[in-house]
Amino acid sequence: MGKIARREKSELKGRMRNFLMFLPNLARLLARLLKDARVPTAEKALFVAAIVYVISPLDLIPDIFPFFGQVDDIYMVALVLLRLINRTDVEVVREHWSGGGDIAALADSIASIAPKFLPKRISRVLQSRVELAPAGKILKGITKRDEPVVLEVSEDAPVEAVSTMNN
């Protein structure tokens, strides 16, 4: 059984390496979606955060660690895309995708495989259900840095307050 698990993990690692080749296209996709009026403002705020996360040298797993340093980046982008797909028409995302294959299937595959390579604590942080704070708190948080901009939603919160995405 150990060999099967090792072989499966090796195959998944190969798939994830292939997915990492899409990271530049995924970042461009988020930038294109920022300009689209059909994308809700809250989603655009998450896109900006995801783009900053990808290009920032400060990550949960620094990019100096080959493979693992990029897995958390692509996972973050995939989660943001899946959230948008669940909240809008998938055709909006497909319209801006210039990479190969179906972007919805790609994002779903990345989101299902990436957590297997991340430490459990980091995976939990990235999978947490969140929502933006009310606009007044966001502005206050930006100017005074004492209010959270993004709030983690507990599992017993009302359904309409959380993403419908299954992680």
N, C-alpha and C. Protein backbone atom coordinates (compact mmCIF):
# COMPACT_ATOMS: atom_id res chain seq x y z
N MET A 1 0.82 -1.20 0.00
CA MET A 1 0.00 0.00 0.00
C MET A 1 0.86 1.26 0.00
N GLY A 2 2.03 1.21 0.67
CA GLY A 2 2.92 2.36 0.72
C GLY A 2 3.39 2.77 -0.67
N LYS A 3 3.68 1.77 -1.54
CA LYS A 3 4.13 2.07 -2.89
C LYS A 3 3.03 2.72 -3.71
N ILE A 4 1.81 2.26 -3.53
CA ILE A 4 0.68 2.86 -4.26
C ILE A 4 0.51 4.31 -3.84
N ALA A 5 0.57 4.55 -2.54
CA ALA A 5 0.42 5.93 -2.05
C ALA A 5 1.56 6.80 -2.57
N ARG A 6 2.78 6.26 -2.58
CA ARG A 6 3.93 7.02 -3.06
C ARG A 6 3.79 7.31 -4.55
N ARG A 7 3.34 6.29 -5.30
CA ARG A 7 3.17 6.47 -6.75
C ARG A 7 2.07 7.50 -7.03
N GLU A 8 0.99 7.42 -6.28
CA GLU A 8 -0.10 8.39 -6.45
C GLU A 8 0.38 9.80 -6.12
N LYS A 9 1.14 9.93 -5.05
CA LYS A 9 1.65 11.25 -4.67
C LYS A 9 2.60 11.78 -5.73
N SER A 10 3.40 10.90 -6.32
CA SER A 10 4.32 11.30 -7.38
C SER A 10 3.54 11.78 -8.61
N GLU A 11 2.46 11.07 -8.95
CA GLU A 11 1.62 11.48 -10.08
C GLU A 11 0.97 12.84 -9.81
N LEU A 12 0.48 13.02 -8.58
CA LEU A 12 -0.14 14.30 -8.23
C LEU A 12 0.89 15.43 -8.28
N LYS A 13 2.10 15.14 -7.85
CA LYS A 13 3.15 16.17 -7.89
C LYS A 13 3.45 16.55 -9.33
N GLY A 14 3.46 15.57 -10.22
CA GLY A 14 3.67 15.85 -11.65
C GLY A 14 2.55 16.72 -12.21
N ARG A 15 1.32 16.41 -11.84
CA ARG A 15 0.18 17.23 -12.29
C ARG A 15 0.30 18.65 -11.75
N MET A 16 0.69 18.77 -10.47
CA MET A 16 0.80 20.10 -9.88
C MET A 16 1.92 20.90 -10.57
N ARG A 17 3.02 20.23 -10.92
CA ARG A 17 4.09 20.93 -11.65
C ARG A 17 3.55 21.48 -12.98
N ASN A 18 2.73 20.68 -13.65
CA ASN A 18 2.12 21.15 -14.90
C ASN A 18 1.19 22.34 -14.64
N PHE A 19 0.44 22.29 -13.56
CA PHE A 19 -0.46 23.40 -13.22
C PHE A 19 0.33 24.67 -12.94
N LEU A 20 1.50 24.54 -12.33
CA LEU A 20 2.31 25.73 -12.00
C LEU A 20 2.71 26.51 -13.25
N MET A 21 2.75 25.83 -14.40
CA MET A 21 3.06 26.52 -15.65
C MET A 21 1.96 27.53 -16.01
N PHE A 22 0.76 27.33 -15.47
CA PHE A 22 -0.36 28.22 -15.75
C PHE A 22 -0.38 29.46 -14.85
N LEU A 23 0.47 29.51 -13.84
CA LEU A 23 0.41 30.61 -12.88
C LEU A 23 0.50 32.00 -13.53
N PRO A 24 1.42 32.25 -14.47
CA PRO A 24 1.43 33.57 -15.12
C PRO A 24 0.12 33.87 -15.85
N ASN A 25 -0.45 32.88 -16.55
CA ASN A 25 -1.73 33.08 -17.24
C ASN A 25 -2.85 33.35 -16.25
N LEU A 26 -2.81 32.67 -15.11
CA LEU A 26 -3.85 32.89 -14.09
C LEU A 26 -3.76 34.30 -13.51
N ALA A 27 -2.55 34.78 -13.29
CA ALA A 27 -2.39 36.15 -12.79
C ALA A 27 -2.89 37.16 -13.82
N ARG A 28 -2.59 36.91 -15.11
CA ARG A 28 -3.11 37.79 -16.17
C ARG A 28 -4.63 37.75 -16.23
N LEU A 29 -5.19 36.57 -16.02
CA LEU A 29 -6.66 36.43 -16.02
C LEU A 29 -7.26 37.30 -14.93
N LEU A 30 -6.70 37.26 -13.74
CA LEU A 30 -7.23 38.09 -12.64
C LEU A 30 -7.14 39.57 -13.01
N ALA A 31 -6.03 39.98 -13.60
CA ALA A 31 -5.87 41.38 -14.01
C ALA A 31 -6.93 41.77 -15.04
N ARG A 32 -7.23 40.89 -15.99
CA ARG A 32 -8.26 41.18 -17.00
C ARG A 32 -9.65 41.26 -16.36
N LEU A 33 -9.90 40.38 -15.40
CA LEU A 33 -11.20 40.39 -14.74
C LEU A 33 -11.39 41.64 -13.90
N LEU A 34 -10.30 42.26 -13.45
CA LEU A 34 -10.41 43.51 -12.70
C LEU A 34 -11.06 44.62 -13.54
N LYS A 35 -10.85 44.56 -14.84
CA LYS A 35 -11.38 45.59 -15.74
C LYS A 35 -12.80 45.33 -16.19
N ASP A 36 -13.33 44.14 -15.91
CA ASP A 36 -14.65 43.75 -16.38
C ASP A 36 -15.74 44.27 -15.44
N ALA A 37 -16.67 45.03 -15.96
CA ALA A 37 -17.74 45.62 -15.15
C ALA A 37 -18.71 44.56 -14.62
N ARG A 38 -18.73 43.37 -15.20
CA ARG A 38 -19.63 42.31 -14.75
C ARG A 38 -19.14 41.62 -13.48
N VAL A 39 -17.91 41.88 -13.09
CA VAL A 39 -17.32 41.27 -11.90
C VAL A 39 -17.62 42.16 -10.70
N PRO A 40 -18.23 41.59 -9.65
CA PRO A 40 -18.56 42.38 -8.46
C PRO A 40 -17.32 42.99 -7.80
N THR A 41 -17.50 44.13 -7.18
CA THR A 41 -16.41 44.86 -6.54
C THR A 41 -15.71 44.03 -5.47
N ALA A 42 -16.47 43.28 -4.68
CA ALA A 42 -15.87 42.45 -3.63
C ALA A 42 -14.93 41.42 -4.24
N GLU A 43 -15.31 40.85 -5.38
CA GLU A 43 -14.45 39.87 -6.04
C GLU A 43 -13.19 40.54 -6.56
N LYS A 44 -13.33 41.76 -7.08
CA LYS A 44 -12.16 42.50 -7.56
C LYS A 44 -11.18 42.76 -6.43
N ALA A 45 -11.69 43.06 -5.24
CA ALA A 45 -10.81 43.27 -4.09
C ALA A 45 -10.04 41.99 -3.77
N LEU A 46 -10.69 40.86 -3.88
CA LEU A 46 -10.00 39.59 -3.65
C LEU A 46 -8.99 39.31 -4.76
N PHE A 47 -9.26 39.71 -6.00
CA PHE A 47 -8.31 39.54 -7.10
C PHE A 47 -7.03 40.33 -6.81
N VAL A 48 -7.22 41.59 -6.37
CA VAL A 48 -6.06 42.42 -6.06
C VAL A 48 -5.23 41.75 -4.96
N ALA A 49 -5.91 41.25 -3.94
CA ALA A 49 -5.20 40.57 -2.85
C ALA A 49 -4.46 39.33 -3.37
N ALA A 50 -5.08 38.56 -4.26
CA ALA A 50 -4.45 37.36 -4.80
C ALA A 50 -3.24 37.72 -5.66
N ILE A 51 -3.36 38.76 -6.48
CA ILE A 51 -2.24 39.19 -7.32
C ILE A 51 -1.08 39.66 -6.45
N VAL A 52 -1.38 40.46 -5.43
CA VAL A 52 -0.35 40.92 -4.51
C VAL A 52 0.31 39.73 -3.82
N TYR A 53 -0.49 38.75 -3.42
CA TYR A 53 0.04 37.56 -2.76
C TYR A 53 1.00 36.81 -3.69
N VAL A 54 0.65 36.68 -4.96
CA VAL A 54 1.49 35.96 -5.91
C VAL A 54 2.81 36.68 -6.14
N ILE A 55 2.78 37.99 -6.29
CA ILE A 55 4.02 38.72 -6.60
C ILE A 55 4.80 39.14 -5.36
N SER A 56 4.19 39.07 -4.21
CA SER A 56 4.86 39.46 -2.97
C SER A 56 5.89 38.43 -2.54
N PRO A 57 7.03 38.90 -2.07
CA PRO A 57 8.03 37.95 -1.55
C PRO A 57 7.62 37.37 -0.19
N LEU A 58 6.63 37.97 0.45
CA LEU A 58 6.17 37.50 1.75
C LEU A 58 4.95 36.61 1.56
N ASP A 59 5.14 35.31 1.64
CA ASP A 59 4.07 34.33 1.47
C ASP A 59 4.00 33.45 2.71
N LEU A 60 2.96 32.65 2.77
CA LEU A 60 2.90 31.64 3.83
C LEU A 60 4.03 30.64 3.65
N ILE A 61 4.34 30.29 2.40
CA ILE A 61 5.51 29.48 2.08
C ILE A 61 6.31 30.32 1.08
N PRO A 62 7.49 30.83 1.49
CA PRO A 62 8.26 31.70 0.59
C PRO A 62 8.61 31.02 -0.73
N ASP A 63 8.66 31.82 -1.79
CA ASP A 63 8.91 31.30 -3.13
C ASP A 63 10.33 30.78 -3.31
N ILE A 64 11.21 31.00 -2.35
CA ILE A 64 12.57 30.48 -2.47
C ILE A 64 12.61 28.96 -2.34
N PHE A 65 11.53 28.38 -1.79
CA PHE A 65 11.43 26.92 -1.72
C PHE A 65 10.80 26.43 -3.02
N PRO A 66 11.62 25.77 -3.86
CA PRO A 66 11.08 25.32 -5.15
C PRO A 66 9.84 24.44 -4.97
N PHE A 67 8.92 24.57 -5.89
CA PHE A 67 7.67 23.84 -5.96
C PHE A 67 6.71 24.27 -4.85
N PHE A 68 7.03 24.01 -3.59
CA PHE A 68 6.11 24.30 -2.49
C PHE A 68 5.85 25.80 -2.36
N GLY A 69 6.85 26.61 -2.69
CA GLY A 69 6.68 28.06 -2.62
C GLY A 69 5.69 28.60 -3.64
N GLN A 70 5.52 27.87 -4.73
CA GLN A 70 4.57 28.30 -5.76
C GLN A 70 3.21 27.63 -5.60
N VAL A 71 3.15 26.50 -4.92
CA VAL A 71 1.88 25.79 -4.75
C VAL A 71 0.88 26.66 -3.99
N ASP A 72 1.32 27.34 -2.93
CA ASP A 72 0.38 28.17 -2.18
C ASP A 72 -0.10 29.35 -3.04
N ASP A 73 0.76 29.86 -3.93
CA ASP A 73 0.35 30.96 -4.82
C ASP A 73 -0.76 30.52 -5.78
N ILE A 74 -0.53 29.41 -6.45
CA ILE A 74 -1.51 28.95 -7.44
C ILE A 74 -2.80 28.50 -6.75
N TYR A 75 -2.66 27.96 -5.55
CA TYR A 75 -3.85 27.55 -4.79
C TYR A 75 -4.71 28.76 -4.44
N MET A 76 -4.07 29.84 -4.01
CA MET A 76 -4.80 31.07 -3.67
C MET A 76 -5.56 31.58 -4.90
N VAL A 77 -4.90 31.61 -6.05
CA VAL A 77 -5.54 32.08 -7.28
C VAL A 77 -6.71 31.18 -7.65
N ALA A 78 -6.52 29.87 -7.53
CA ALA A 78 -7.60 28.93 -7.88
C ALA A 78 -8.81 29.12 -6.98
N LEU A 79 -8.58 29.34 -5.68
CA LEU A 79 -9.70 29.56 -4.77
C LEU A 79 -10.47 30.84 -5.10
N VAL A 80 -9.73 31.89 -5.45
CA VAL A 80 -10.38 33.16 -5.81
C VAL A 80 -11.20 32.97 -7.09
N LEU A 81 -10.66 32.25 -8.06
CA LEU A 81 -11.40 32.00 -9.31
C LEU A 81 -12.64 31.15 -9.07
N LEU A 82 -12.51 30.11 -8.25
CA LEU A 82 -13.68 29.27 -7.96
C LEU A 82 -14.76 30.07 -7.24
N ARG A 83 -14.35 30.96 -6.38
CA ARG A 83 -15.33 31.82 -5.70
C ARG A 83 -16.08 32.67 -6.72
N LEU A 84 -15.33 33.26 -7.67
CA LEU A 84 -15.98 34.07 -8.70
C LEU A 84 -16.91 33.22 -9.56
N ILE A 85 -16.47 32.03 -9.94
CA ILE A 85 -17.30 31.15 -10.76
C ILE A 85 -18.59 30.81 -10.03
N ASN A 86 -18.52 30.62 -8.73
CA ASN A 86 -19.72 30.31 -7.95
C ASN A 86 -20.64 31.51 -7.77
N ARG A 87 -20.11 32.70 -7.93
CA ARG A 87 -20.91 33.91 -7.69
C ARG A 87 -21.34 34.62 -8.97
N THR A 88 -20.78 34.24 -10.10
CA THR A 88 -21.15 34.87 -11.37
C THR A 88 -21.28 33.79 -12.44
N ASP A 89 -21.41 34.22 -13.66
CA ASP A 89 -21.49 33.30 -14.81
C ASP A 89 -20.07 32.86 -15.18
N VAL A 90 -19.85 31.57 -15.28
CA VAL A 90 -18.53 31.04 -15.61
C VAL A 90 -18.05 31.56 -16.96
N GLU A 91 -18.97 31.93 -17.83
CA GLU A 91 -18.59 32.44 -19.15
C GLU A 91 -17.81 33.75 -19.05
N VAL A 92 -18.05 34.53 -18.00
CA VAL A 92 -17.29 35.77 -17.79
C VAL A 92 -15.81 35.42 -17.62
N VAL A 93 -15.54 34.39 -16.85
CA VAL A 93 -14.15 33.96 -16.62
C VAL A 93 -13.57 33.36 -17.90
N ARG A 94 -14.32 32.49 -18.54
CA ARG A 94 -13.83 31.84 -19.77
C ARG A 94 -13.52 32.85 -20.87
N GLU A 95 -14.29 33.90 -20.94
CA GLU A 95 -14.09 34.93 -21.96
C GLU A 95 -12.71 35.57 -21.86
N HIS A 96 -12.19 35.70 -20.65
CA HIS A 96 -10.90 36.36 -20.43
C HIS A 96 -9.72 35.39 -20.37
N TRP A 97 -9.98 34.09 -20.42
CA TRP A 97 -8.93 33.09 -20.30
C TRP A 97 -8.22 32.91 -21.62
N SER A 98 -6.90 33.07 -21.62
CA SER A 98 -6.12 32.90 -22.85
C SER A 98 -5.28 31.63 -22.83
N GLY A 99 -5.29 30.91 -21.72
CA GLY A 99 -4.54 29.66 -21.62
C GLY A 99 -5.30 28.52 -22.27
N GLY A 100 -4.70 27.36 -22.28
CA GLY A 100 -5.35 26.20 -22.87
C GLY A 100 -6.31 25.53 -21.91
N GLY A 101 -7.24 24.78 -22.44
CA GLY A 101 -8.18 24.03 -21.62
C GLY A 101 -9.28 24.88 -21.01
N ASP A 102 -10.10 24.22 -20.23
CA ASP A 102 -11.22 24.89 -19.56
C ASP A 102 -10.76 25.43 -18.22
N ILE A 103 -10.87 26.73 -18.04
CA ILE A 103 -10.38 27.37 -16.82
C ILE A 103 -11.13 26.90 -15.58
N ALA A 104 -12.42 26.64 -15.69
CA ALA A 104 -13.18 26.19 -14.52
C ALA A 104 -12.68 24.82 -14.05
N ALA A 105 -12.45 23.91 -14.99
CA ALA A 105 -11.93 22.58 -14.64
C ALA A 105 -10.51 22.67 -14.10
N LEU A 106 -9.71 23.55 -14.69
CA LEU A 106 -8.33 23.75 -14.22
C LEU A 106 -8.31 24.25 -12.79
N ALA A 107 -9.09 25.28 -12.50
CA ALA A 107 -9.14 25.83 -11.14
C ALA A 107 -9.63 24.80 -10.14
N ASP A 108 -10.62 24.01 -10.53
CA ASP A 108 -11.13 22.96 -9.66
C ASP A 108 -10.07 21.90 -9.38
N SER A 109 -9.34 21.50 -10.40
CA SER A 109 -8.27 20.51 -10.23
C SER A 109 -7.17 21.02 -9.31
N ILE A 110 -6.77 22.26 -9.52
CA ILE A 110 -5.73 22.87 -8.68
C ILE A 110 -6.19 22.90 -7.23
N ALA A 111 -7.43 23.33 -7.02
CA ALA A 111 -7.95 23.46 -5.65
C ALA A 111 -8.09 22.11 -4.96
N SER A 112 -8.25 21.04 -5.73
CA SER A 112 -8.37 19.72 -5.09
C SER A 112 -7.02 19.07 -4.84
N ILE A 113 -6.00 19.40 -5.64
CA ILE A 113 -4.69 18.76 -5.49
C ILE A 113 -3.74 19.56 -4.59
N ALA A 114 -3.73 20.87 -4.69
CA ALA A 114 -2.76 21.71 -3.97
C ALA A 114 -2.73 21.46 -2.46
N PRO A 115 -3.87 21.30 -1.78
CA PRO A 115 -3.80 21.11 -0.32
C PRO A 115 -3.00 19.88 0.11
N LYS A 116 -2.86 18.92 -0.78
CA LYS A 116 -2.11 17.70 -0.45
C LYS A 116 -0.62 17.98 -0.28
N PHE A 117 -0.15 19.11 -0.81
CA PHE A 117 1.27 19.45 -0.76
C PHE A 117 1.57 20.56 0.25
N LEU A 118 0.55 21.14 0.82
CA LEU A 118 0.76 22.23 1.77
C LEU A 118 0.64 21.72 3.20
N PRO A 119 1.37 22.35 4.12
CA PRO A 119 1.15 22.00 5.53
C PRO A 119 -0.31 22.23 5.91
N LYS A 120 -0.84 21.39 6.76
CA LYS A 120 -2.26 21.45 7.13
C LYS A 120 -2.66 22.84 7.63
N ARG A 121 -1.83 23.47 8.41
CA ARG A 121 -2.15 24.79 8.96
C ARG A 121 -2.32 25.83 7.85
N ILE A 122 -1.43 25.81 6.87
CA ILE A 122 -1.52 26.75 5.76
C ILE A 122 -2.74 26.44 4.90
N SER A 123 -2.99 25.17 4.66
CA SER A 123 -4.15 24.77 3.89
C SER A 123 -5.44 25.25 4.56
N ARG A 124 -5.52 25.12 5.88
CA ARG A 124 -6.71 25.57 6.62
C ARG A 124 -6.90 27.08 6.49
N VAL A 125 -5.81 27.83 6.59
CA VAL A 125 -5.90 29.29 6.46
C VAL A 125 -6.43 29.66 5.07
N LEU A 126 -5.91 29.01 4.04
CA LEU A 126 -6.33 29.34 2.68
C LEU A 126 -7.74 28.88 2.36
N GLN A 127 -8.22 27.83 3.05
CA GLN A 127 -9.56 27.30 2.78
C GLN A 127 -10.63 27.95 3.65
N SER A 128 -10.25 28.75 4.62
CA SER A 128 -11.24 29.35 5.51
C SER A 128 -12.25 30.14 4.71
N ARG A 129 -13.47 30.08 5.16
CA ARG A 129 -14.53 30.86 4.52
C ARG A 129 -14.46 32.27 5.07
N VAL A 130 -14.38 33.23 4.15
CA VAL A 130 -14.23 34.62 4.56
C VAL A 130 -15.24 35.50 3.83
N GLU A 131 -15.45 36.67 4.37
CA GLU A 131 -16.24 37.69 3.69
C GLU A 131 -15.61 39.03 4.00
N LEU A 132 -15.85 39.98 3.13
CA LEU A 132 -15.31 41.32 3.37
C LEU A 132 -16.07 41.98 4.50
N ALA A 133 -15.36 42.76 5.28
CA ALA A 133 -16.00 43.52 6.35
C ALA A 133 -16.88 44.59 5.71
N PRO A 134 -17.82 45.16 6.48
CA PRO A 134 -18.62 46.26 5.94
C PRO A 134 -17.72 47.41 5.46
N ALA A 135 -18.18 48.15 4.46
CA ALA A 135 -17.37 49.18 3.82
C ALA A 135 -16.76 50.17 4.82
N GLY A 136 -17.52 50.58 5.80
CA GLY A 136 -17.01 51.53 6.79
C GLY A 136 -15.83 50.97 7.57
N LYS A 137 -15.91 49.70 7.92
CA LYS A 137 -14.81 49.07 8.66
C LYS A 137 -13.59 48.87 7.77
N ILE A 138 -13.83 48.61 6.48
CA ILE A 138 -12.70 48.46 5.56
C ILE A 138 -11.93 49.77 5.48
N LEU A 139 -12.66 50.87 5.28
CA LEU A 139 -11.99 52.17 5.19
C LEU A 139 -11.26 52.51 6.48
N LYS A 140 -11.90 52.25 7.60
CA LYS A 140 -11.27 52.52 8.90
C LYS A 140 -10.04 51.62 9.08
N GLY A 141 -10.16 50.36 8.67
CA GLY A 141 -9.05 49.43 8.80
C GLY A 141 -7.86 49.82 7.94
N ILE A 142 -8.13 50.37 6.76
CA ILE A 142 -7.05 50.79 5.88
C ILE A 142 -6.35 52.03 6.44
N THR A 143 -7.13 52.97 6.95
CA THR A 143 -6.53 54.21 7.43
C THR A 143 -5.91 54.06 8.82
N LYS A 144 -6.54 53.32 9.70
CA LYS A 144 -6.04 53.22 11.07
C LYS A 144 -5.42 51.86 11.39
N ARG A 145 -5.60 50.90 10.50
CA ARG A 145 -5.04 49.55 10.65
C ARG A 145 -5.47 48.85 11.94
N ASP A 146 -6.65 49.17 12.43
CA ASP A 146 -7.10 48.51 13.65
C ASP A 146 -8.38 47.70 13.44
N GLU A 147 -8.89 47.67 12.22
CA GLU A 147 -10.09 46.91 11.90
C GLU A 147 -9.75 45.88 10.83
N PRO A 148 -10.24 44.64 10.96
CA PRO A 148 -9.98 43.65 9.91
C PRO A 148 -10.74 43.99 8.63
N VAL A 149 -10.09 43.74 7.50
CA VAL A 149 -10.69 43.98 6.19
C VAL A 149 -11.45 42.73 5.74
N VAL A 150 -10.92 41.57 6.09
CA VAL A 150 -11.54 40.30 5.75
C VAL A 150 -11.84 39.56 7.04
N LEU A 151 -13.05 39.03 7.15
CA LEU A 151 -13.47 38.33 8.36
C LEU A 151 -13.68 36.85 8.06
N GLU A 152 -13.17 35.98 8.95
CA GLU A 152 -13.41 34.55 8.79
C GLU A 152 -14.83 34.26 9.25
N VAL A 153 -15.55 33.47 8.46
CA VAL A 153 -16.93 33.14 8.76
C VAL A 153 -16.96 31.75 9.39
N SER A 154 -17.63 31.63 10.52
CA SER A 154 -17.71 30.34 11.18
C SER A 154 -18.62 29.40 10.39
N GLU A 155 -18.46 28.12 10.63
CA GLU A 155 -19.25 27.11 9.90
C GLU A 155 -20.74 27.20 10.18
N ASP A 156 -21.13 27.75 11.34
CA ASP A 156 -22.55 27.83 11.67
C ASP A 156 -23.18 29.16 11.25
N ALA A 157 -22.46 29.93 10.41
CA ALA A 157 -22.99 31.20 9.92
C ALA A 157 -24.09 30.92 8.90
N PRO A 158 -25.00 31.89 8.69
CA PRO A 158 -26.05 31.70 7.69
C PRO A 158 -25.45 31.43 6.31
N VAL A 159 -26.09 30.61 5.53
CA VAL A 159 -25.58 30.18 4.24
C VAL A 159 -25.31 31.35 3.31
N GLU A 160 -26.16 32.38 3.33
CA GLU A 160 -25.98 33.47 2.39
C GLU A 160 -24.74 34.31 2.70
N ALA A 161 -24.14 34.15 3.88
CA ALA A 161 -22.97 34.94 4.25
C ALA A 161 -21.66 34.27 3.85
N VAL A 162 -21.71 33.03 3.36
CA VAL A 162 -20.49 32.32 3.02
C VAL A 162 -20.50 31.90 1.56
N SER A 163 -19.31 31.57 1.04
CA SER A 163 -19.22 31.10 -0.32
C SER A 163 -19.91 29.76 -0.47
N THR A 164 -20.45 29.51 -1.64
CA THR A 164 -21.10 28.22 -1.91
C THR A 164 -20.10 27.21 -2.43
N MET A 165 -18.84 27.61 -2.53
CA MET A 165 -17.81 26.75 -3.07
C MET A 165 -17.52 25.60 -2.12
N ASN A 166 -17.41 24.39 -2.64
CA ASN A 166 -17.03 23.24 -1.84
C ASN A 166 -15.54 23.06 -1.93
N ASN A 167 -14.87 23.13 -0.81
CA ASN A 167 -13.40 22.99 -0.81
C ASN A 167 -13.04 21.61 -0.38
